Amino acid sequence: MKEKEKEKEEEEEEEEEEEEEEEGEGEEEEEEEEEEKEKEKEKEKEKKKKKKKKKKKKKKKKKKKKKKKKKKKKKKALVILPGTHLGKDPIMTSLPWMFASSRGTCKVPVTPGRAQVMSGVCWSPCCGLRCSM
C-alpha cells in the first residue's frame, strides 16, 4: 500500500513539473506572439505615415499644375484690317486717335500719324494694327 501511494505521489509530482514546464514554454510563446503583434502594428503605422506623405506631395503637385495653367491663359488680340467700318458712333468717328472694333468699343489709343478715321471708315494702309481689347 505504501509503495502504491509513493508511486502515485511521484507521478503527481512529475505531472506537476511537466505542467510547469509547459506553462513556462507557453508564456515564452505568448511573449513572442505579443512582440510580433507589436512589430506588425509599428509597420502598419509606418505605412500609413508614408501614404499620408505621398498624398500631401500629390496635392502640392496638383496645386502647382493648376497655377501654371492659370498663367498660360492670354487675351486674344484683335486685328483691325484696312477698310473696316469703325461704327456709326459720332464720338468714335470724330476722334482720329481711336479705333473701333466690330462691336464699336476698342479703346486702344493710336497716334494720328499711324491711322486716320474719315467718315467712320479706316482708310490708312498702316491701320492693320494689333489692338488688344
C-alpha atoms as a PDB file:
ATOM      1  CA  MET A   1       0.000   0.000   0.000  1.00  0.00           C
ATOM      2  CA  LYS A   2       2.776   2.374   0.863  1.00  0.00           C
ATOM      3  CA  GLU A   3       4.507   1.632  -2.363  1.00  0.00           C
ATOM      4  CA  LYS A   4       1.393   2.436  -4.371  1.00  0.00           C
ATOM      5  CA  GLU A   5       0.974   5.705  -2.508  1.00  0.00           C
ATOM      6  CA  LYS A   6       4.610   6.612  -3.146  1.00  0.00           C
ATOM      7  CA  GLU A   7       4.211   5.828  -6.827  1.00  0.00           C
ATOM      8  CA  LYS A   8       1.087   7.966  -7.023  1.00  0.00           C
ATOM      9  CA  GLU A   9       2.855  10.859  -5.313  1.00  0.00           C
ATOM     10  CA  GLU A  10       5.826  10.566  -7.661  1.00  0.00           C
ATOM     11  CA  GLU A  11       3.521  10.507 -10.674  1.00  0.00           C
ATOM     12  CA  GLU A  12       1.670  13.574  -9.415  1.00  0.00           C
ATOM     13  CA  GLU A  13       4.955  15.410  -8.852  1.00  0.00           C
ATOM     14  CA  GLU A  14       6.131  14.523 -12.342  1.00  0.00           C
ATOM     15  CA  GLU A  15       2.846  15.711 -13.829  1.00  0.00           C
ATOM     16  CA  GLU A  16       3.113  18.994 -11.924  1.00  0.00           C
ATOM     17  CA  GLU A  17       6.672  19.500 -13.160  1.00  0.00           C
ATOM     18  CA  GLU A  18       5.597  18.806 -16.721  1.00  0.00           C
ATOM     19  CA  GLU A  19       2.707  21.238 -16.391  1.00  0.00           C
ATOM     20  CA  GLU A  20       5.036  23.927 -15.033  1.00  0.00           C
ATOM     21  CA  GLU A  21       7.440  23.380 -17.923  1.00  0.00           C
ATOM     22  CA  GLU A  22       4.583  23.579 -20.402  1.00  0.00           C
ATOM     23  CA  GLU A  23       3.318  26.767 -18.748  1.00  0.00           C
ATOM     24  CA  GLY A  24       6.822  28.250 -18.935  1.00  0.00           C
ATOM     25  CA  GLU A  25       7.018  27.404 -22.621  1.00  0.00           C
ATOM     26  CA  GLY A  26       3.508  28.729 -23.139  1.00  0.00           C
ATOM     27  CA  GLU A  27       4.457  32.043 -21.525  1.00  0.00           C
ATOM     28  CA  GLU A  28       7.506  32.336 -23.754  1.00  0.00           C
ATOM     29  CA  GLU A  29       5.358  31.660 -26.806  1.00  0.00           C
ATOM     30  CA  GLU A  30       2.820  34.251 -25.673  1.00  0.00           C
ATOM     31  CA  GLU A  31       5.572  36.836 -25.216  1.00  0.00           C
ATOM     32  CA  GLU A  32       6.908  36.110 -28.692  1.00  0.00           C
ATOM     33  CA  GLU A  33       3.416  36.455 -30.159  1.00  0.00           C
ATOM     34  CA  GLU A  34       2.931  39.791 -28.392  1.00  0.00           C
ATOM     35  CA  GLU A  35       6.253  41.067 -29.722  1.00  0.00           C
ATOM     36  CA  GLU A  36       5.293  40.021 -33.257  1.00  0.00           C
ATOM     37  CA  LYS A  37       1.947  41.821 -32.940  1.00  0.00           C
ATOM     38  CA  GLU A  38       3.697  44.979 -31.743  1.00  0.00           C
ATOM     39  CA  LYS A  39       6.099  44.838 -34.691  1.00  0.00           C
ATOM     40  CA  GLU A  40       3.205  44.429 -37.113  1.00  0.00           C
ATOM     41  CA  LYS A  41       1.395  47.414 -35.588  1.00  0.00           C
ATOM     42  CA  GLU A  42       4.536  49.553 -35.947  1.00  0.00           C
ATOM     43  CA  LYS A  43       4.882  48.528 -39.591  1.00  0.00           C
ATOM     44  CA  GLU A  44       1.253  49.431 -40.270  1.00  0.00           C
ATOM     45  CA  LYS A  45       1.740  52.845 -38.643  1.00  0.00           C
ATOM     46  CA  GLU A  46       4.803  53.488 -40.804  1.00  0.00           C
ATOM     47  CA  LYS A  47       2.880  52.507 -43.932  1.00  0.00           C
ATOM     48  CA  LYS A  48       0.047  54.893 -43.021  1.00  0.00           C
ATOM     49  CA  LYS A  49       2.542  57.735 -42.473  1.00  0.00           C
ATOM     50  CA  LYS A  50       4.135  57.071 -45.859  1.00  0.00           C
ATOM     51  CA  LYS A  51       0.733  57.094 -47.570  1.00  0.00           C
ATOM     52  CA  LYS A  52      -0.140  60.417 -45.941  1.00  0.00           C
ATOM     53  CA  LYS A  53       3.148  61.931 -47.119  1.00  0.00           C
ATOM     54  CA  LYS A  54       2.515  60.710 -50.661  1.00  0.00           C
ATOM     55  CA  LYS A  55      -0.983  62.190 -50.633  1.00  0.00           C
ATOM     56  CA  LYS A  56       0.370  65.541 -49.447  1.00  0.00           C
ATOM     57  CA  LYS A  57       3.007  65.528 -52.188  1.00  0.00           C
ATOM     58  CA  LYS A  58       0.362  64.738 -54.811  1.00  0.00           C
ATOM     59  CA  LYS A  59      -1.828  67.585 -53.569  1.00  0.00           C
ATOM     60  CA  LYS A  60       1.112  70.003 -53.768  1.00  0.00           C
ATOM     61  CA  LYS A  61       1.882  68.864 -57.323  1.00  0.00           C
ATOM     62  CA  LYS A  62      -1.749  69.325 -58.342  1.00  0.00           C
ATOM     63  CA  LYS A  63      -1.814  72.833 -56.899  1.00  0.00           C
ATOM     64  CA  LYS A  64       1.360  73.755 -58.761  1.00  0.00           C
ATOM     65  CA  LYS A  65      -0.062  72.440 -62.035  1.00  0.00           C
ATOM     66  CA  LYS A  66      -3.250  74.459 -61.588  1.00  0.00           C
ATOM     67  CA  LYS A  67      -1.241  77.642 -61.013  1.00  0.00           C
ATOM     68  CA  LYS A  68       0.755  77.030 -64.185  1.00  0.00           C
ATOM     69  CA  LYS A  69      -2.427  76.567 -66.193  1.00  0.00           C
ATOM     70  CA  LYS A  70      -3.793  79.874 -64.935  1.00  0.00           C
ATOM     71  CA  LYS A  71      -0.618  81.671 -66.010  1.00  0.00           C
ATOM     72  CA  LYS A  72      -0.819  80.279 -69.548  1.00  0.00           C
ATOM     73  CA  LYS A  73      -4.148  81.974 -70.292  1.00  0.00           C
ATOM     74  CA  LYS A  74      -3.644  85.049 -72.516  1.00  0.00           C
ATOM     75  CA  LYS A  75      -6.036  87.537 -74.022  1.00  0.00           C
ATOM     76  CA  LYS A  76      -6.596  87.203 -77.729  1.00  0.00           C
ATOM     77  CA  ALA A  77      -5.580  90.168 -79.873  1.00  0.00           C
ATOM     78  CA  LEU A  78      -7.998  91.662 -82.356  1.00  0.00           C
ATOM     79  CA  VAL A  79      -6.583  92.576 -85.748  1.00  0.00           C
ATOM     80  CA  ILE A  80      -8.186  95.570 -87.479  1.00  0.00           C
ATOM     81  CA  LEU A  81      -7.629  95.454 -91.216  1.00  0.00           C
ATOM     82  CA  PRO A  82      -7.626  98.424 -93.626  1.00  0.00           C
ATOM     83  CA  GLY A  83     -11.093  99.434 -94.803  1.00  0.00           C
ATOM     84  CA  THR A  84     -13.009  98.135 -91.795  1.00  0.00           C
ATOM     85  CA  HIS A  85     -16.073 100.098 -90.779  1.00  0.00           C
ATOM     86  CA  LEU A  86     -15.493 101.676 -87.390  1.00  0.00           C
ATOM     87  CA  GLY A  87     -19.093 102.091 -86.379  1.00  0.00           C
ATOM     88  CA  LYS A  88     -21.597 104.949 -86.525  1.00  0.00           C
ATOM     89  CA  ASP A  89     -20.771 106.372 -83.089  1.00  0.00           C
ATOM     90  CA  PRO A  90     -20.034 110.110 -83.629  1.00  0.00           C
ATOM     91  CA  ILE A  91     -17.510 110.127 -80.781  1.00  0.00           C
ATOM     92  CA  MET A  92     -15.504 107.312 -82.340  1.00  0.00           C
ATOM     93  CA  THR A  93     -15.584 108.886 -85.805  1.00  0.00           C
ATOM     94  CA  SER A  94     -14.645 112.343 -84.551  1.00  0.00           C
ATOM     95  CA  LEU A  95     -11.516 111.216 -82.702  1.00  0.00           C
ATOM     96  CA  PRO A  96      -8.723 110.321 -85.153  1.00  0.00           C
ATOM     97  CA  TRP A  97      -6.678 108.507 -82.486  1.00  0.00           C
ATOM     98  CA  MET A  98      -9.254 105.846 -81.528  1.00  0.00           C
ATOM     99  CA  PHE A  99     -10.043 102.599 -83.268  1.00  0.00           C
ATOM    100  CA  ALA A 100     -13.422 100.934 -83.285  1.00  0.00           C
ATOM    101  CA  SER A 101     -13.765  97.180 -83.394  1.00  0.00           C
ATOM    102  CA  SER A 102     -16.673  95.289 -84.907  1.00  0.00           C
ATOM    103  CA  ARG A 103     -18.505  95.945 -81.634  1.00  0.00           C
ATOM    104  CA  GLY A 104     -17.510  99.625 -81.731  1.00  0.00           C
ATOM    105  CA  THR A 105     -15.601  99.742 -78.424  1.00  0.00           C
ATOM    106  CA  CYS A 106     -11.875  99.181 -78.999  1.00  0.00           C
ATOM    107  CA  LYS A 107     -10.284 101.566 -76.504  1.00  0.00           C
ATOM    108  CA  VAL A 108      -6.649 101.472 -77.580  1.00  0.00           C
ATOM    109  CA  PRO A 109      -5.350 104.980 -78.416  1.00  0.00           C
ATOM    110  CA  VAL A 110      -3.350 105.314 -81.629  1.00  0.00           C
ATOM    111  CA  THR A 111      -1.296 108.316 -82.734  1.00  0.00           C
ATOM    112  CA  PRO A 112      -2.856 110.372 -85.603  1.00  0.00           C
ATOM    113  CA  GLY A 113       0.008 109.577 -87.973  1.00  0.00           C
ATOM    114  CA  ARG A 114      -0.472 105.825 -87.833  1.00  0.00           C
ATOM    115  CA  ALA A 115      -4.178 105.627 -88.582  1.00  0.00           C
ATOM    116  CA  GLN A 116      -6.832 108.096 -89.673  1.00  0.00           C
ATOM    117  CA  VAL A 117     -10.579 108.000 -89.427  1.00  0.00           C
ATOM    118  CA  MET A 118     -12.684 109.604 -92.144  1.00  0.00           C
ATOM    119  CA  SER A 119     -16.478 109.284 -92.038  1.00  0.00           C
ATOM    120  CA  GLY A 120     -16.330 106.124 -89.937  1.00  0.00           C
ATOM    121  CA  VAL A 121     -14.078 104.135 -92.284  1.00  0.00           C
ATOM    122  CA  CYS A 122     -10.407 103.380 -91.681  1.00  0.00           C
ATOM    123  CA  TRP A 123      -8.673 104.109 -94.977  1.00  0.00           C
ATOM    124  CA  SER A 124      -4.986 104.265 -93.983  1.00  0.00           C
ATOM    125  CA  PRO A 125      -2.841 101.351 -95.213  1.00  0.00           C
ATOM    126  CA  CYS A 126      -0.981 101.185 -91.894  1.00  0.00           C
ATOM    127  CA  CYS A 127      -4.047 100.586 -89.742  1.00  0.00           C
ATOM    128  CA  GLY A 128      -3.706  96.794 -89.827  1.00  0.00           C
ATOM    129  CA  LEU A 129      -2.521  97.014 -86.245  1.00  0.00           C
ATOM    130  CA  ARG A 130      -2.899  94.556 -83.398  1.00  0.00           C
ATOM    131  CA  CYS A 131      -5.070  96.024 -80.695  1.00  0.00           C
ATOM    132  CA  SER A 132      -5.761  94.111 -77.503  1.00  0.00           C
ATOM    133  CA  MET A 133      -9.279  94.555 -76.174  1.00  0.00           C
END
